[in-house]
Protein backbone atom coordinates (compact mmCIF):
# COMPACT_ATOMS: atom_id res chain seq x y z
CA UNK A 1 102.55 129.16 121.13
CA UNK A 2 104.85 126.80 119.22
CA UNK A 3 103.32 123.48 118.12
CA UNK A 4 104.94 120.51 116.38
CA UNK A 5 102.56 118.10 114.63
CA UNK A 6 102.73 114.43 113.70
CA UNK A 7 102.60 115.37 110.01
CA UNK A 8 106.04 117.06 110.37
CA UNK A 9 104.86 120.68 110.48
CA UNK A 10 105.91 123.31 112.98
CA UNK A 11 103.37 126.06 113.74
CA UNK A 12 103.60 129.37 115.56
CA UNK A 13 100.12 130.20 116.87
CA UNK A 14 99.06 133.52 118.35
CA UNK A 15 98.24 133.24 122.07
CA UNK A 16 95.82 136.14 121.70
CA UNK A 17 93.75 135.22 118.63
CA UNK A 18 94.63 131.58 117.94
CA UNK A 19 95.64 132.50 114.37
CA UNK A 20 98.51 130.64 112.73
CA UNK A 21 101.32 133.19 112.32
CA UNK A 22 103.43 130.80 110.24
CA UNK A 23 103.94 127.13 109.56
CA UNK A 24 107.04 125.31 108.33
CA UNK A 25 107.35 121.82 106.90
CA UNK A 26 110.16 119.90 108.60
CA UNK A 27 112.07 116.89 107.25
CA UNK A 28 110.70 114.81 110.12
CA UNK A 29 109.33 115.27 113.62
CA UNK A 30 111.04 117.42 116.23
CA UNK A 31 113.63 115.42 118.14
CA UNK A 32 113.31 117.35 121.42
CA UNK A 33 112.01 120.59 122.85
CA UNK A 34 113.19 123.58 120.82
CA UNK A 35 115.24 126.31 122.46
CA UNK A 36 114.25 129.98 122.13
CA UNK A 37 116.83 132.73 122.43
CA UNK A 38 115.91 136.33 121.64
CA UNK A 39 114.12 136.17 118.27
CA UNK A 40 115.49 132.79 117.21
CA UNK A 41 114.31 129.25 117.62
CA UNK A 42 116.89 126.44 117.71
CA UNK A 43 115.71 122.90 117.09
CA UNK A 44 116.70 119.46 115.92
CA UNK A 45 114.72 117.06 113.76
CA UNK A 46 114.71 113.33 114.46
CA UNK A 47 116.36 111.98 111.28
CA UNK A 48 118.58 114.89 110.26
CA UNK A 49 122.21 115.47 111.22
CA UNK A 50 121.72 119.23 111.31
CA UNK A 51 120.14 121.65 113.75
CA UNK A 52 118.13 124.62 112.56
CA UNK A 53 117.98 128.25 113.58
CA UNK A 54 114.59 129.72 112.66
CA UNK A 55 113.45 133.35 112.82
CA UNK A 56 110.50 133.41 115.24
CA UNK A 57 108.85 136.34 113.49
CA UNK A 58 108.83 134.93 109.95
CA UNK A 59 109.39 131.17 110.34
CA UNK A 60 112.26 131.30 107.85
CA UNK A 61 115.41 129.27 108.37
CA UNK A 62 118.31 131.52 109.34
CA UNK A 63 121.00 128.89 109.52
CA UNK A 64 121.64 125.16 109.44
CA UNK A 65 124.14 123.88 111.99
CA UNK A 66 126.04 120.73 110.99
CA UNK A 67 126.24 118.21 113.85
CA UNK A 68 128.39 115.72 111.91
CA UNK A 69 127.69 113.01 109.38
CA UNK A 70 125.13 110.56 110.76
CA UNK A 71 125.24 112.33 114.15
CA UNK A 72 121.81 113.06 115.56
CA UNK A 73 120.99 115.21 118.58
CA UNK A 74 120.19 113.19 121.70
CA UNK A 75 118.64 116.01 123.73
CA UNK A 76 117.45 119.59 123.54
CA UNK A 77 120.12 122.21 122.80
CA UNK A 78 121.53 124.11 125.80
CA UNK A 79 122.71 127.74 125.84
CA UNK A 80 125.83 128.36 127.94
CA UNK A 81 126.71 131.57 129.80
CA UNK A 82 129.06 132.53 127.00
CA UNK A 83 126.27 132.44 124.39
CA UNK A 84 127.43 129.11 122.99
CA UNK A 85 124.80 126.62 121.90
CA UNK A 86 125.66 123.02 122.84
CA UNK A 87 124.17 119.87 121.31
CA UNK A 88 124.63 116.37 122.69
CA UNK A 89 125.26 113.75 120.00
CA UNK A 90 126.39 110.12 120.30
CA UNK A 91 129.96 109.97 121.63
CA UNK A 92 130.46 113.76 121.68
CA UNK A 93 129.05 117.24 122.06
CA UNK A 94 128.90 119.95 119.42
CA UNK A 95 129.28 123.59 120.46
CA UNK A 96 128.16 126.39 118.15
CA UNK A 97 128.50 130.15 118.36
CA UNK A 98 127.70 132.75 115.75
CA UNK A 99 130.11 135.16 117.49
CA UNK A 100 133.75 135.28 116.41
CA UNK A 101 136.39 133.64 118.62
CA UNK A 102 138.31 136.09 120.79
CA UNK A 103 141.87 135.30 121.84
CA UNK A 104 143.42 136.97 124.86
């Protein structure tokens, strides 16, 4: 179970035992619902212009995704059919993929 707290921590809690598997201090509160894909958690924080990719097993940050200077996510990230992660920001969208571009 993933829990975000008012004191800016994110916790992964075992459904079986209730033990805290890991906790991570965030720069602020979660902006929206995180998105889980395979073993990664994608989330945005309310006052940061980056999105984070976090390893679900360890709680460590894998990658920071730049959304643009002073551009904050307006909704939860969405995963497209082509494995592209899309973030809605004011006046635009930001698409992110960790796969290389393929030209045909």
